[in-house]
Amino acid sequence: MALRRDLTFFDVTAIVIGSIVGADIYIASALTAGLLGPFAVVVWVIAAVFATVIALVFAACSYRVPRVGGPFAFVSAAFDDFYGFLTGWSLWIAEMLALPVFALAFVQYLEYLVPLDMAGELAVKAAFLFLLTGVNIVGVKAAGRVNDVLTVVKLLPILLVVIAGLGFFVLHPGPFLANYTPFLPLGLDAVGPALVLVFWAYVGFEMGTLPAGEVKDPARTIPRALVTGMAVVTLFYLSTNLVVFGIVPWQQLAVSTTPLVLVGAALLGGAGGLLMSAGALVSVSGSDESGILGTSRLAYAMAIDGLFPRPFARLHIPASGPPGWRLPSRPRWHSRSPASPLSAP
């Protein structure tokens, strides 16, 4: 049984955006403010350039090797099973370790709204992980639609803060610009650590390449989705940080654990703080949803190639089809032969 190609260009773009925009944007501004002050905005620009270049490389690889598994498929096609094994397992371990961290972040932001005891925290964490995993068990189409909704909803509070912040700048340019003076109060010594930190906030676009076997026309769709997703993320990240450093003095940002909540409250009052807290909850949920969808496809891709436990290669047959499970045969697409995807135009 072949994988069902249910994911559209919009779905894959939402996976790219949803995987990148998680908890990072809600905390990284404070961390970079403590390292560089307002100059951190420049670092966000530099990191965007670096991340976009790498995303374009992934886009080119997706065109050449439009196969399930993303980076694992690319390396296996270019080299051999050994390097594919190293790439696939390294990525799988990293992603599996990251998935439960989102549950911790979810509880942290939820407690801004609702006090929880230890039992409540455990219950929320379990519900968070089981619900998102359950959506993916239903099927890729359901997972894609849920991710679409979460991605759109997570961007709306950030967009509202950006519009309100730019409106404040138009009406009160003096205080806004005053927060950018001095522009480099802490020197350049921490540019390196800040750049690594901010670059991490742009990571996640590779998730859009993992479910290639379920994407309609993946050779065209995935590259376009990567470029579009990175453009949207860059626009949101840069405009958000421009507003954040213009609305709140960097000294206050540096000691805050929830900088966007602080900015939302400064612009829109208590309702703004609550809105940004709710946005953080949706943002974390969307990132975990994208991660679960992509990580399961990575395990599947390695399993059908014999580099992961074989049961992970089993495909669930929808209720409308024959009952039971089927195990796909091992493909030989990764072989560097004249018919290899690498020889595609």
Foldseek 3Di string as FASTA:
>chain_A
DFAAQQAELLLLLLLLQLQQQACLLQFLLLQVLLVWNLLLLVLLVVLLVVLLVVLLVQLVLCLLQLDAQRPLLSVCQVDHDVVSLVVLVVVLVVLVVVLLVLLVVLLVLVCVPPPDDPVRSVVSSVCLVVVLLVQVVQHPNSLSVLSSVLSVLLVVLLVVLLVLLVVCCVVPVPLLVVLCVVVGPPDCPCSVVSSVSSSSSSPRSSLSSNVSSNHDPRSPSSSVSSNVSSVVNSVSSSSSSSSLSRQDRSVVSNPDRGSQLVSLCSRPNPVRNVSNSVSNSSSSSSSSSSSSNRSLSNQLLCLLQVSHPVVSVWDADDPVDDHDIDHDHRDPQSDNDCPHSNVPD
